[in-house]
Amino acid sequence: MPAWFEISVIVVCAIGAVFFFAKYRETAAALHESERIKTRLSNDLNRYRDVPRLRALRDAVLGSKPLPTDDNGNEHLLLRDADLQLHHLVLRREATPVGDDDNITYTKNGEQVKLEELK
């Protein structure tokens, strides 16, 4: 076998090995990125697993069908949390017209807080 043929076979194998290892590194990096994104999305889904229940609460409170009311005018809603524990919510709706110069407050942690959304 001539020397030039052996050298050309070695060069072709070396070039093939370079391309193989480059593709291997690219695939390994893509798999690593895929695992990272999968973990992040899984954490996001765990964080927002209560979204269907929150949507049910929103639809119940803002929906067109009224909630059951008692003699005092309080509305009652049964809702399950992420642990499937049943919670009884008592709601009272009040509507008061607001003027431009009125200061509107709500109670948060036992303190009166000024409502900033109207500005």
PDB file of N, CA and C in Angstrom:
ATOM      1  N   MET A   1       0.851  -1.168   0.000  1.00  0.00           N
ATOM      2  CA  MET A   1       0.000   0.000   0.000  1.00  0.00           C
ATOM      3  C   MET A   1       0.901   1.236   0.000  1.00  0.00           C
ATOM      4  N   PRO A   2       0.617   2.179  -0.887  1.00  0.00           N
ATOM      5  CA  PRO A   2       1.482   3.361  -0.960  1.00  0.00           C
ATOM      6  C   PRO A   2       1.338   4.249   0.281  1.00  0.00           C
ATOM      7  N   ALA A   3       2.380   4.971   0.577  1.00  0.00           N
ATOM      8  CA  ALA A   3       2.416   5.829   1.767  1.00  0.00           C
ATOM      9  C   ALA A   3       1.395   6.960   1.679  1.00  0.00           C
ATOM     10  N   TRP A   4       1.219   7.521   0.483  1.00  0.00           N
ATOM     11  CA  TRP A   4       0.277   8.635   0.346  1.00  0.00           C
ATOM     12  C   TRP A   4      -1.150   8.200   0.649  1.00  0.00           C
ATOM     13  N   PHE A   5      -1.509   6.905   0.345  1.00  0.00           N
ATOM     14  CA  PHE A   5      -2.849   6.394   0.624  1.00  0.00           C
ATOM     15  C   PHE A   5      -3.073   6.238   2.127  1.00  0.00           C
ATOM     16  N   GLU A   6      -2.035   5.718   2.834  1.00  0.00           N
ATOM     17  CA  GLU A   6      -2.139   5.568   4.296  1.00  0.00           C
ATOM     18  C   GLU A   6      -2.283   6.931   4.969  1.00  0.00           C
ATOM     19  N   ILE A   7      -1.533   7.909   4.488  1.00  0.00           N
ATOM     20  CA  ILE A   7      -1.606   9.261   5.075  1.00  0.00           C
ATOM     21  C   ILE A   7      -2.971   9.878   4.804  1.00  0.00           C
ATOM     22  N   SER A   8      -3.507   9.683   3.607  1.00  0.00           N
ATOM     23  CA  SER A   8      -4.822  10.260   3.304  1.00  0.00           C
ATOM     24  C   SER A   8      -5.922   9.583   4.121  1.00  0.00           C
ATOM     25  N   VAL A   9      -5.808   8.268   4.369  1.00  0.00           N
ATOM     26  CA  VAL A   9      -6.797   7.576   5.203  1.00  0.00           C
ATOM     27  C   VAL A   9      -6.722   8.096   6.639  1.00  0.00           C
ATOM     28  N   ILE A  10      -5.502   8.299   7.142  1.00  0.00           N
ATOM     29  CA  ILE A  10      -5.326   8.822   8.512  1.00  0.00           C
ATOM     30  C   ILE A  10      -5.889  10.232   8.609  1.00  0.00           C
ATOM     31  N   VAL A  11      -5.656  11.072   7.612  1.00  0.00           N
ATOM     32  CA  VAL A  11      -6.159  12.451   7.627  1.00  0.00           C
ATOM     33  C   VAL A  11      -7.680  12.450   7.580  1.00  0.00           C
ATOM     34  N   VAL A  12      -8.268  11.614   6.720  1.00  0.00           N
ATOM     35  CA  VAL A  12      -9.723  11.542   6.626  1.00  0.00           C
ATOM     36  C   VAL A  12     -10.320  11.058   7.949  1.00  0.00           C
ATOM     37  N   CYS A  13      -9.707  10.061   8.592  1.00  0.00           N
ATOM     38  CA  CYS A  13     -10.191   9.569   9.895  1.00  0.00           C
ATOM     39  C   CYS A  13     -10.060  10.648  10.970  1.00  0.00           C
ATOM     40  N   ALA A  14      -8.977  11.417  10.947  1.00  0.00           N
ATOM     41  CA  ALA A  14      -8.799  12.492  11.923  1.00  0.00           C
ATOM     42  C   ALA A  14      -9.855  13.576  11.739  1.00  0.00           C
ATOM     43  N   ILE A  15     -10.126  13.941  10.485  1.00  0.00           N
ATOM     44  CA  ILE A  15     -11.160  14.951  10.221  1.00  0.00           C
ATOM     45  C   ILE A  15     -12.530  14.427  10.651  1.00  0.00           C
ATOM     46  N   GLY A  16     -12.812  13.173  10.374  1.00  0.00           N
ATOM     47  CA  GLY A  16     -14.074  12.566  10.809  1.00  0.00           C
ATOM     48  C   GLY A  16     -14.198  12.546  12.323  1.00  0.00           C
ATOM     49  N   ALA A  17     -13.092  12.251  13.026  1.00  0.00           N
ATOM     50  CA  ALA A  17     -13.122  12.237  14.487  1.00  0.00           C
ATOM     51  C   ALA A  17     -13.396  13.633  15.041  1.00  0.00           C
ATOM     52  N   VAL A  18     -12.804  14.647  14.425  1.00  0.00           N
ATOM     53  CA  VAL A  18     -13.044  16.033  14.863  1.00  0.00           C
ATOM     54  C   VAL A  18     -14.516  16.386  14.706  1.00  0.00           C
ATOM     55  N   PHE A  19     -15.105  16.055  13.562  1.00  0.00           N
ATOM     56  CA  PHE A  19     -16.526  16.343  13.351  1.00  0.00           C
ATOM     57  C   PHE A  19     -17.413  15.535  14.304  1.00  0.00           C
ATOM     58  N   PHE A  20     -17.036  14.264  14.556  1.00  0.00           N
ATOM     59  CA  PHE A  20     -17.814  13.429  15.472  1.00  0.00           C
ATOM     60  C   PHE A  20     -17.824  14.021  16.873  1.00  0.00           C
ATOM     61  N   PHE A  21     -16.642  14.401  17.392  1.00  0.00           N
ATOM     62  CA  PHE A  21     -16.580  14.944  18.744  1.00  0.00           C
ATOM     63  C   PHE A  21     -17.244  16.324  18.841  1.00  0.00           C
ATOM     64  N   ALA A  22     -17.191  17.100  17.758  1.00  0.00           N
ATOM     65  CA  ALA A  22     -17.889  18.391  17.767  1.00  0.00           C
ATOM     66  C   ALA A  22     -19.389  18.177  17.841  1.00  0.00           C
ATOM     67  N   LYS A  23     -19.896  17.228  17.062  1.00  0.00           N
ATOM     68  CA  LYS A  23     -21.327  16.931  17.103  1.00  0.00           C
ATOM     69  C   LYS A  23     -21.710  16.357  18.458  1.00  0.00           C
ATOM     70  N   TYR A  24     -20.838  15.526  19.050  1.00  0.00           N
ATOM     71  CA  TYR A  24     -21.097  14.954  20.371  1.00  0.00           C
ATOM     72  C   TYR A  24     -21.210  16.063  21.424  1.00  0.00           C
ATOM     73  N   ARG A  25     -20.290  17.014  21.394  1.00  0.00           N
ATOM     74  CA  ARG A  25     -20.334  18.121  22.366  1.00  0.00           C
ATOM     75  C   ARG A  25     -21.593  18.963  22.177  1.00  0.00           C
ATOM     76  N   GLU A  26     -21.970  19.204  20.928  1.00  0.00           N
ATOM     77  CA  GLU A  26     -23.173  19.981  20.645  1.00  0.00           C
ATOM     78  C   GLU A  26     -24.415  19.258  21.170  1.00  0.00           C
ATOM     79  N   THR A  27     -24.485  17.949  20.952  1.00  0.00           N
ATOM     80  CA  THR A  27     -25.627  17.171  21.430  1.00  0.00           C
ATOM     81  C   THR A  27     -25.663  17.129  22.953  1.00  0.00           C
ATOM     82  N   ALA A  28     -24.498  16.965  23.583  1.00  0.00           N
ATOM     83  CA  ALA A  28     -24.447  16.944  25.041  1.00  0.00           C
ATOM     84  C   ALA A  28     -24.887  18.291  25.619  1.00  0.00           C
ATOM     85  N   ALA A  29     -24.483  19.387  24.995  1.00  0.00           N
ATOM     86  CA  ALA A  29     -24.895  20.712  25.468  1.00  0.00           C
ATOM     87  C   ALA A  29     -26.394  20.904  25.289  1.00  0.00           C
ATOM     88  N   ALA A  30     -26.943  20.431  24.169  1.00  0.00           N
ATOM     89  CA  ALA A  30     -28.385  20.553  23.949  1.00  0.00           C
ATOM     90  C   ALA A  30     -29.164  19.726  24.963  1.00  0.00           C
ATOM     91  N   LEU A  31     -28.699  18.528  25.284  1.00  0.00           N
ATOM     92  CA  LEU A  31     -29.368  17.707  26.298  1.00  0.00           C
ATOM     93  C   LEU A  31     -29.299  18.359  27.675  1.00  0.00           C
ATOM     94  N   HIS A  32     -28.156  18.947  27.998  1.00  0.00           N
ATOM     95  CA  HIS A  32     -28.018  19.631  29.280  1.00  0.00           C
ATOM     96  C   HIS A  32     -28.972  20.816  29.363  1.00  0.00           C
ATOM     97  N   GLU A  33     -29.066  21.594  28.295  1.00  0.00           N
ATOM     98  CA  GLU A  33     -29.984  22.737  28.264  1.00  0.00           C
ATOM     99  C   GLU A  33     -31.436  22.273  28.346  1.00  0.00           C
ATOM    100  N   SER A  34     -31.747  21.175  27.693  1.00  0.00           N
ATOM    101  CA  SER A  34     -33.099  20.624  27.742  1.00  0.00           C
ATOM    102  C   SER A  34     -33.470  20.210  29.163  1.00  0.00           C
ATOM    103  N   GLU A  35     -32.560  19.563  29.866  1.00  0.00           N
ATOM    104  CA  GLU A  35     -32.816  19.169  31.259  1.00  0.00           C
ATOM    105  C   GLU A  35     -32.995  20.396  32.149  1.00  0.00           C
ATOM    106  N   ARG A  36     -32.183  21.442  31.904  1.00  0.00           N
ATOM    107  CA  ARG A  36     -32.291  22.661  32.708  1.00  0.00           C
ATOM    108  C   ARG A  36     -33.646  23.325  32.495  1.00  0.00           C
ATOM    109  N   ILE A  37     -34.080  23.422  31.247  1.00  0.00           N
ATOM    110  CA  ILE A  37     -35.369  24.046  30.944  1.00  0.00           C
ATOM    111  C   ILE A  37     -36.508  23.200  31.502  1.00  0.00           C
ATOM    112  N   LYS A  38     -36.390  21.868  31.396  1.00  0.00           N
ATOM    113  CA  LYS A  38     -37.427  20.990  31.928  1.00  0.00           C
ATOM    114  C   LYS A  38     -37.568  21.175  33.442  1.00  0.00           C
ATOM    115  N   THR A  39     -36.456  21.292  34.145  1.00  0.00           N
ATOM    116  CA  THR A  39     -36.498  21.517  35.590  1.00  0.00           C
ATOM    117  C   THR A  39     -37.133  22.862  35.914  1.00  0.00           C
ATOM    118  N   ARG A  40     -36.749  23.893  35.150  1.00  0.00           N
ATOM    119  CA  ARG A  40     -37.320  25.222  35.401  1.00  0.00           C
ATOM    120  C   ARG A  40     -38.821  25.245  35.145  1.00  0.00           C
ATOM    121  N   LEU A  41     -39.257  24.649  34.047  1.00  0.00           N
ATOM    122  CA  LEU A  41     -40.684  24.620  33.745  1.00  0.00           C
ATOM    123  C   LEU A  41     -41.449  23.776  34.753  1.00  0.00           C
ATOM    124  N   SER A  42     -40.842  22.712  35.225  1.00  0.00           N
ATOM    125  CA  SER A  42     -41.477  21.888  36.248  1.00  0.00           C
ATOM    126  C   SER A  42     -41.669  22.691  37.529  1.00  0.00           C
ATOM    127  N   ASN A  43     -40.662  23.473  37.892  1.00  0.00           N
ATOM    128  CA  ASN A  43     -40.788  24.330  39.081  1.00  0.00           C
ATOM    129  C   ASN A  43     -41.875  25.377  38.880  1.00  0.00           C
ATOM    130  N   ASP A  44     -41.959  25.939  37.660  1.00  0.00           N
ATOM    131  CA  ASP A  44     -43.010  26.917  37.369  1.00  0.00           C
ATOM    132  C   ASP A  44     -44.388  26.281  37.469  1.00  0.00           C
ATOM    133  N   LEU A  45     -44.528  25.063  36.957  1.00  0.00           N
ATOM    134  CA  LEU A  45     -45.818  24.390  37.034  1.00  0.00           C
ATOM    135  C   LEU A  45     -46.187  24.078  38.475  1.00  0.00           C
ATOM    136  N   ASN A  46     -45.214  23.709  39.296  1.00  0.00           N
ATOM    137  CA  ASN A  46     -45.501  23.467  40.708  1.00  0.00           C
ATOM    138  C   ASN A  46     -45.940  24.751  41.396  1.00  0.00           C
ATOM    139  N   ARG A  47     -45.338  25.869  40.987  1.00  0.00           N
ATOM    140  CA  ARG A  47     -45.698  27.144  41.606  1.00  0.00           C
ATOM    141  C   ARG A  47     -47.118  27.549  41.245  1.00  0.00           C
ATOM    142  N   TYR A  48     -47.541  27.244  40.021  1.00  0.00           N
ATOM    143  CA  TYR A  48     -48.847  27.668  39.554  1.00  0.00           C
ATOM    144  C   TYR A  48     -49.863  26.529  39.496  1.00  0.00           C
ATOM    145  N   ARG A  49     -49.702  25.518  40.329  1.00  0.00           N
ATOM    146  CA  ARG A  49     -50.638  24.392  40.271  1.00  0.00           C
ATOM    147  C   ARG A  49     -52.017  24.755  40.803  1.00  0.00           C
ATOM    148  N   ASP A  50     -52.129  25.853  41.527  1.00  0.00           N
ATOM    149  CA  ASP A  50     -53.423  26.283  42.038  1.00  0.00           C
ATOM    150  C   ASP A  50     -54.179  27.161  41.056  1.00  0.00           C
ATOM    151  N   VAL A  51     -53.652  27.397  39.868  1.00  0.00           N
ATOM    152  CA  VAL A  51     -54.287  28.295  38.909  1.00  0.00           C
ATOM    153  C   VAL A  51     -55.709  27.849  38.561  1.00  0.00           C
ATOM    154  N   PRO A  52     -55.994  26.556  38.319  1.00  0.00           N
ATOM    155  CA  PRO A  52     -57.384  26.193  38.033  1.00  0.00           C
ATOM    156  C   PRO A  52     -58.327  26.528  39.187  1.00  0.00           C
ATOM    157  N   ARG A  53     -57.863  26.366  40.413  1.00  0.00           N
ATOM    158  CA  ARG A  53     -58.707  26.695  41.569  1.00  0.00           C
ATOM    159  C   ARG A  53     -58.899  28.203  41.685  1.00  0.00           C
ATOM    160  N   LEU A  54     -57.833  28.957  41.386  1.00  0.00           N
ATOM    161  CA  LEU A  54     -57.978  30.413  41.409  1.00  0.00           C
ATOM    162  C   LEU A  54     -58.917  30.889  40.308  1.00  0.00           C
ATOM    163  N   ARG A  55     -58.863  30.226  39.150  1.00  0.00           N
ATOM    164  CA  ARG A  55     -59.799  30.581  38.075  1.00  0.00           C
ATOM    165  C   ARG A  55     -61.229  30.246  38.484  1.00  0.00           C
ATOM    166  N   ALA A  56     -61.407  29.112  39.178  1.00  0.00           N
ATOM    167  CA  ALA A  56     -62.744  28.748  39.652  1.00  0.00           C
ATOM    168  C   ALA A  56     -63.244  29.784  40.654  1.00  0.00           C
ATOM    169  N   LEU A  57     -62.363  30.247  41.539  1.00  0.00           N
ATOM    170  CA  LEU A  57     -62.745  31.285  42.500  1.00  0.00           C
ATOM    171  C   LEU A  57     -63.097  32.575  41.769  1.00  0.00           C
ATOM    172  N   ARG A  58     -62.283  32.963  40.795  1.00  0.00           N
ATOM    173  CA  ARG A  58     -62.566  34.174  40.028  1.00  0.00           C
ATOM    174  C   ARG A  58     -63.902  34.071  39.305  1.00  0.00           C
ATOM    175  N   ASP A  59     -64.143  32.920  38.660  1.00  0.00           N
ATOM    176  CA  ASP A  59     -65.394  32.745  37.931  1.00  0.00           C
ATOM    177  C   ASP A  59     -66.592  32.742  38.865  1.00  0.00           C
ATOM    178  N   ALA A  60     -66.412  32.193  40.083  1.00  0.00           N
ATOM    179  CA  ALA A  60     -67.509  32.162  41.041  1.00  0.00           C
ATOM    180  C   ALA A  60     -67.826  33.566  41.546  1.00  0.00           C
ATOM    181  N   VAL A  61     -66.784  34.344  41.801  1.00  0.00           N
ATOM    182  CA  VAL A  61     -67.001  35.683  42.353  1.00  0.00           C
ATOM    183  C   VAL A  61     -67.466  36.657  41.263  1.00  0.00           C
ATOM    184  N   LEU A  62     -66.898  36.560  40.061  1.00  0.00           N
ATOM    185  CA  LEU A  62     -67.215  37.512  39.004  1.00  0.00           C
ATOM    186  C   LEU A  62     -68.221  36.982  37.992  1.00  0.00           C
ATOM    187  N   GLY A  63     -68.653  35.748  38.169  1.00  0.00           N
ATOM    188  CA  GLY A  63     -69.531  35.128  37.184  1.00  0.00           C
ATOM    189  C   GLY A  63     -70.930  35.709  37.183  1.00  0.00           C
ATOM    190  N   SER A  64     -71.690  35.302  36.181  1.00  0.00           N
ATOM    191  CA  SER A  64     -73.053  35.816  36.045  1.00  0.00           C
ATOM    192  C   SER A  64     -74.023  35.105  36.980  1.00  0.00           C
ATOM    193  N   LYS A  65     -73.693  33.874  37.380  1.00  0.00           N
ATOM    194  CA  LYS A  65     -74.571  33.152  38.305  1.00  0.00           C
ATOM    195  C   LYS A  65     -74.270  33.589  39.731  1.00  0.00           C
ATOM    196  N   PRO A  66     -75.272  33.935  40.499  1.00  0.00           N
ATOM    197  CA  PRO A  66     -75.010  34.381  41.875  1.00  0.00           C
ATOM    198  C   PRO A  66     -74.630  33.206  42.770  1.00  0.00           C
ATOM    199  N   LEU A  67     -73.825  33.510  43.784  1.00  0.00           N
ATOM    200  CA  LEU A  67     -73.467  32.512  44.783  1.00  0.00           C
ATOM    201  C   LEU A  67     -74.603  32.367  45.783  1.00  0.00           C
ATOM    202  N   PRO A  68     -74.691  31.235  46.473  1.00  0.00           N
ATOM    203  CA  PRO A  68     -75.724  31.093  47.510  1.00  0.00           C
ATOM    204  C   PRO A  68     -75.527  32.132  48.614  1.00  0.00           C
ATOM    205  N   THR A  69     -76.617  32.766  49.027  1.00  0.00           N
ATOM    206  CA  THR A  69     -76.543  33.796  50.072  1.00  0.00           C
ATOM    207  C   THR A  69     -77.355  33.350  51.281  1.00  0.00           C
ATOM    208  N   ASP A  70     -76.941  33.859  52.446  1.00  0.00           N
ATOM    209  CA  ASP A  70     -77.695  33.569  53.667  1.00  0.00           C
ATOM    210  C   ASP A  70     -78.602  34.750  53.986  1.00  0.00           C
ATOM    211  N   ASP A  71     -79.241  34.727  55.159  1.00  0.00           N
ATOM    212  CA  ASP A  71     -80.187  35.778  55.540  1.00  0.00           C
ATOM    213  C   ASP A  71     -79.507  37.118  55.789  1.00  0.00           C
ATOM    214  N   ASN A  72     -78.203  37.111  56.087  1.00  0.00           N
ATOM    215  CA  ASN A  72     -77.478  38.356  56.354  1.00  0.00           C
ATOM    216  C   ASN A  72     -76.900  38.988  55.096  1.00  0.00           C
ATOM    217  N   GLY A  73     -77.076  38.356  53.932  1.00  0.00           N
ATOM    218  CA  GLY A  73     -76.546  38.892  52.685  1.00  0.00           C
ATOM    219  C   GLY A  73     -75.144  38.413  52.368  1.00  0.00           C
ATOM    220  N   ASN A  74     -74.583  37.506  53.182  1.00  0.00           N
ATOM    221  CA  ASN A  74     -73.251  36.964  52.909  1.00  0.00           C
ATOM    222  C   ASN A  74     -73.349  35.856  51.867  1.00  0.00           C
ATOM    223  N   GLU A  75     -72.383  35.823  50.953  1.00  0.00           N
ATOM    224  CA  GLU A  75     -72.334  34.778  49.939  1.00  0.00           C
ATOM    225  C   GLU A  75     -71.371  33.693  50.401  1.00  0.00           C
ATOM    226  N   HIS A  76     -71.699  32.449  50.077  1.00  0.00           N
ATOM    227  CA  HIS A  76     -70.898  31.317  50.549  1.00  0.00           C
ATOM    228  C   HIS A  76     -70.335  30.560  49.359  1.00  0.00           C
ATOM    229  N   LEU A  77     -69.055  30.151  49.498  1.00  0.00           N
ATOM    230  CA  LEU A  77     -68.363  29.430  48.431  1.00  0.00           C
ATOM    231  C   LEU A  77     -67.498  28.355  49.065  1.00  0.00           C
ATOM    232  N   LEU A  78     -67.571  27.132  48.537  1.00  0.00           N
ATOM    233  CA  LEU A  78     -66.701  26.043  48.972  1.00  0.00           C
ATOM    234  C   LEU A  78     -65.626  25.859  47.912  1.00  0.00           C
ATOM    235  N   LEU A  79     -64.358  25.823  48.352  1.00  0.00           N
ATOM    236  CA  LEU A  79     -63.239  25.750  47.418  1.00  0.00           C
ATOM    237  C   LEU A  79     -62.186  24.817  47.984  1.00  0.00           C
ATOM    238  N   ARG A  80     -61.581  24.000  47.122  1.00  0.00           N
ATOM    239  CA  ARG A  80     -60.515  23.096  47.552  1.00  0.00           C
ATOM    240  C   ARG A  80     -59.159  23.720  47.239  1.00  0.00           C
ATOM    241  N   ASP A  81     -58.178  23.505  48.142  1.00  0.00           N
ATOM    242  CA  ASP A  81     -56.823  24.000  47.905  1.00  0.00           C
ATOM    243  C   ASP A  81     -55.991  22.907  47.252  1.00  0.00           C
ATOM    244  N   ALA A  82     -54.667  23.126  47.165  1.00  0.00           N
ATOM    245  CA  ALA A  82     -53.791  22.174  46.478  1.00  0.00           C
ATOM    246  C   ALA A  82     -53.739  20.823  47.182  1.00  0.00           C
ATOM    247  N   ASP A  83     -53.970  20.796  48.485  1.00  0.00           N
ATOM    248  CA  ASP A  83     -53.972  19.541  49.237  1.00  0.00           C
ATOM    249  C   ASP A  83     -55.346  18.909  49.292  1.00  0.00           C
ATOM    250  N   LEU A  84     -56.273  19.436  48.483  1.00  0.00           N
ATOM    251  CA  LEU A  84     -57.658  18.964  48.398  1.00  0.00           C
ATOM    252  C   LEU A  84     -58.403  19.124  49.724  1.00  0.00           C
ATOM    253  N   GLN A  85     -57.980  20.065  50.545  1.00  0.00           N
ATOM    254  CA  GLN A  85     -58.704  20.404  51.762  1.00  0.00           C
ATOM    255  C   GLN A  85     -59.824  21.378  51.380  1.00  0.00           C
ATOM    256  N   LEU A  86     -60.995  21.151  51.931  1.00  0.00           N
ATOM    257  CA  LEU A  86     -62.153  21.977  51.602  1.00  0.00           C
ATOM    258  C   LEU A  86     -62.178  23.213  52.498  1.00  0.00           C
ATOM    259  N   HIS A  87     -62.362  24.384  51.894  1.00  0.00           N
ATOM    260  CA  HIS A  87     -62.420  25.648  52.628  1.00  0.00           C
ATOM    261  C   HIS A  87     -63.746  26.327  52.345  1.00  0.00           C
ATOM    262  N   HIS A  88     -64.323  26.898  53.388  1.00  0.00           N
ATOM    263  CA  HIS A  88     -65.595  27.609  53.280  1.00  0.00           C
ATOM    264  C   HIS A  88     -65.286  29.100  53.312  1.00  0.00           C
ATOM    265  N   LEU A  89     -65.580  29.782  52.210  1.00  0.00           N
ATOM    266  CA  LEU A  89     -65.357  31.217  52.122  1.00  0.00           C
ATOM    267  C   LEU A  89     -66.682  31.944  52.263  1.00  0.00           C
ATOM    268  N   VAL A  90     -66.673  32.970  53.091  1.00  0.00           N
ATOM    269  CA  VAL A  90     -67.851  33.814  53.261  1.00  0.00           C
ATOM    270  C   VAL A  90     -67.512  35.179  52.677  1.00  0.00           C
ATOM    271  N   LEU A  91     -68.280  35.604  51.680  1.00  0.00           N
ATOM    272  CA  LEU A  91     -68.033  36.859  50.981  1.00  0.00           C
ATOM    273  C   LEU A  91     -69.190  37.819  51.193  1.00  0.00           C
ATOM    274  N   ARG A  92     -68.855  39.083  51.247  1.00  0.00           N
ATOM    275  CA  ARG A  92     -69.891  40.111  51.331  1.00  0.00           C
ATOM    276  C   ARG A  92     -69.570  41.160  50.279  1.00  0.00           C
ATOM    277  N   ARG A  93     -70.516  41.405  49.390  1.00  0.00           N
ATOM    278  CA  ARG A  93     -70.309  42.387  48.326  1.00  0.00           C
ATOM    279  C   ARG A  93     -70.937  43.705  48.739  1.00  0.00           C
ATOM    280  N   GLU A  94     -70.151  44.734  48.591  1.00  0.00           N
ATOM    281  CA  GLU A  94     -70.643  46.083  48.852  1.00  0.00           C
ATOM    282  C   GLU A  94     -70.168  46.983  47.723  1.00  0.00           C
ATOM    283  N   ALA A  95     -71.045  47.832  47.261  1.00  0.00           N
ATOM    284  CA  ALA A  95     -70.680  48.780  46.206  1.00  0.00           C
ATOM    285  C   ALA A  95     -71.005  50.185  46.693  1.00  0.00           C
ATOM    286  N   THR A  96     -69.992  51.047  46.619  1.00  0.00           N
ATOM    287  CA  THR A  96     -70.152  52.425  47.044  1.00  0.00           C
ATOM    288  C   THR A  96     -69.581  53.324  45.956  1.00  0.00           C
ATOM    289  N   PRO A  97     -70.344  54.332  45.505  1.00  0.00           N
ATOM    290  CA  PRO A  97     -69.785  55.238  44.492  1.00  0.00           C
ATOM    291  C   PRO A  97     -68.606  56.032  45.061  1.00  0.00           C
ATOM    292  N   VAL A  98     -67.604  56.267  44.225  1.00  0.00           N
ATOM    293  CA  VAL A  98     -66.378  56.937  44.649  1.00  0.00           C
ATOM    294  C   VAL A  98     -66.250  58.240  43.890  1.00  0.00           C
ATOM    295  N   GLY A  99     -65.978  59.307  44.632  1.00  0.00           N
ATOM    296  CA  GLY A  99     -65.735  60.603  44.010  1.00  0.00           C
ATOM    297  C   GLY A  99     -64.268  60.771  43.676  1.00  0.00           C
ATOM    298  N   ASP A 100     -63.948  61.856  42.950  1.00  0.00           N
ATOM    299  CA  ASP A 100     -62.562  62.088  42.539  1.00  0.00           C
ATOM    300  C   ASP A 100     -61.656  62.435  43.712  1.00  0.00           C
ATOM    301  N   ASP A 101     -62.194  63.123  44.727  1.00  0.00           N
ATOM    302  CA  ASP A 101     -61.355  63.576  45.835  1.00  0.00           C
ATOM    303  C   ASP A 101     -61.411  62.642  47.043  1.00  0.00           C
ATOM    304  N   ASP A 102     -62.071  61.500  46.946  1.00  0.00           N
ATOM    305  CA  ASP A 102     -62.163  60.569  48.069  1.00  0.00           C
ATOM    306  C   ASP A 102     -60.892  59.736  48.183  1.00  0.00           C
ATOM    307  N   ASN A 103     -60.502  59.468  49.434  1.00  0.00           N
ATOM    308  CA  ASN A 103     -59.388  58.561  49.704  1.00  0.00           C
ATOM    309  C   ASN A 103     -59.965  57.193  50.002  1.00  0.00           C
ATOM    310  N   ILE A 104     -59.657  56.227  49.156  1.00  0.00           N
ATOM    311  CA  ILE A 104     -60.179  54.875  49.308  1.00  0.00           C
ATOM    312  C   ILE A 104     -59.115  54.028  49.992  1.00  0.00           C
ATOM    313  N   THR A 105     -59.504  53.304  51.034  1.00  0.00           N
ATOM    314  CA  THR A 105     -58.576  52.449  51.764  1.00  0.00           C
ATOM    315  C   THR A 105     -59.144  51.039  51.844  1.00  0.00           C
ATOM    316  N   TYR A 106     -58.256  50.093  52.082  1.00  0.00           N
ATOM    317  CA  TYR A 106     -58.654  48.718  52.345  1.00  0.00           C
ATOM    318  C   TYR A 106     -57.809  48.198  53.498  1.00  0.00           C
ATOM    319  N   THR A 107     -58.222  47.106  54.083  1.00  0.00           N
ATOM    320  CA  THR A 107     -57.527  46.557  55.241  1.00  0.00           C
ATOM    321  C   THR A 107     -56.560  45.472  54.791  1.00  0.00           C
ATOM    322  N   LYS A 108     -55.294  45.630  55.166  1.00  0.00           N
ATOM    323  CA  LYS A 108     -54.267  44.636  54.859  1.00  0.00           C
ATOM    324  C   LYS A 108     -53.452  44.408  56.124  1.00  0.00           C
ATOM    325  N   ASN A 109     -53.455  43.167  56.608  1.00  0.00           N
ATOM    326  CA  ASN A 109     -52.758  42.800  57.847  1.00  0.00           C
ATOM    327  C   ASN A 109     -53.212  43.672  59.016  1.00  0.00           C
ATOM    328  N   GLY A 110     -54.476  43.997  59.040  1.00  0.00           N
ATOM    329  CA  GLY A 110     -55.022  44.773  60.144  1.00  0.00           C
ATOM    330  C   GLY A 110     -54.777  46.264  60.054  1.00  0.00           C
ATOM    331  N   GLU A 111     -54.150  46.759  58.991  1.00  0.00           N
ATOM    332  CA  GLU A 111     -53.865  48.185  58.840  1.00  0.00           C
ATOM    333  C   GLU A 111     -54.601  48.729  57.619  1.00  0.00           C
ATOM    334  N   GLN A 112     -54.992  49.973  57.696  1.00  0.00           N
ATOM    335  CA  GLN A 112     -55.642  50.633  56.574  1.00  0.00           C
ATOM    336  C   GLN A 112     -54.584  51.074  55.564  1.00  0.00           C
ATOM    337  N   VAL A 113     -54.756  50.662  54.305  1.00  0.00           N
ATOM    338  CA  VAL A 113     -53.811  50.994  53.235  1.00  0.00           C
ATOM    339  C   VAL A 113     -54.574  51.752  52.157  1.00  0.00           C
ATOM    340  N   LYS A 114     -53.969  52.834  51.645  1.00  0.00           N
ATOM    341  CA  LYS A 114     -54.604  53.634  50.607  1.00  0.00           C
ATOM    342  C   LYS A 114     -54.550  52.904  49.271  1.00  0.00           C
ATOM    343  N   LEU A 115     -55.644  52.891  48.549  1.00  0.00           N
ATOM    344  CA  LEU A 115     -55.749  52.235  47.247  1.00  0.00           C
ATOM    345  C   LEU A 115     -55.101  53.123  46.195  1.00  0.00           C
ATOM    346  N   GLU A 116     -54.073  52.608  45.526  1.00  0.00           N
ATOM    347  CA  GLU A 116     -53.312  53.396  44.540  1.00  0.00           C
ATOM    348  C   GLU A 116     -53.797  53.178  43.117  1.00  0.00           C
ATOM    349  N   GLU A 117     -54.626  52.166  42.853  1.00  0.00           N
ATOM    350  CA  GLU A 117     -55.020  51.834  41.486  1.00  0.00           C
ATOM    351  C   GLU A 117     -55.892  52.910  40.834  1.00  0.00           C
ATOM    352  N   LEU A 118     -56.533  53.739  41.629  1.00  0.00           N
ATOM    353  CA  LEU A 118     -57.428  54.754  41.079  1.00  0.00           C
ATOM    354  C   LEU A 118     -56.686  55.985  40.580  1.00  0.00           C
ATOM    355  N   LYS A 119     -55.420  56.094  40.828  1.00  0.00           N
ATOM    356  CA  LYS A 119     -54.642  57.272  40.406  1.00  0.00           C
ATOM    357  C   LYS A 119     -54.325  57.198  38.943  1.00  0.00           C
TER     358      LYS A 119
END
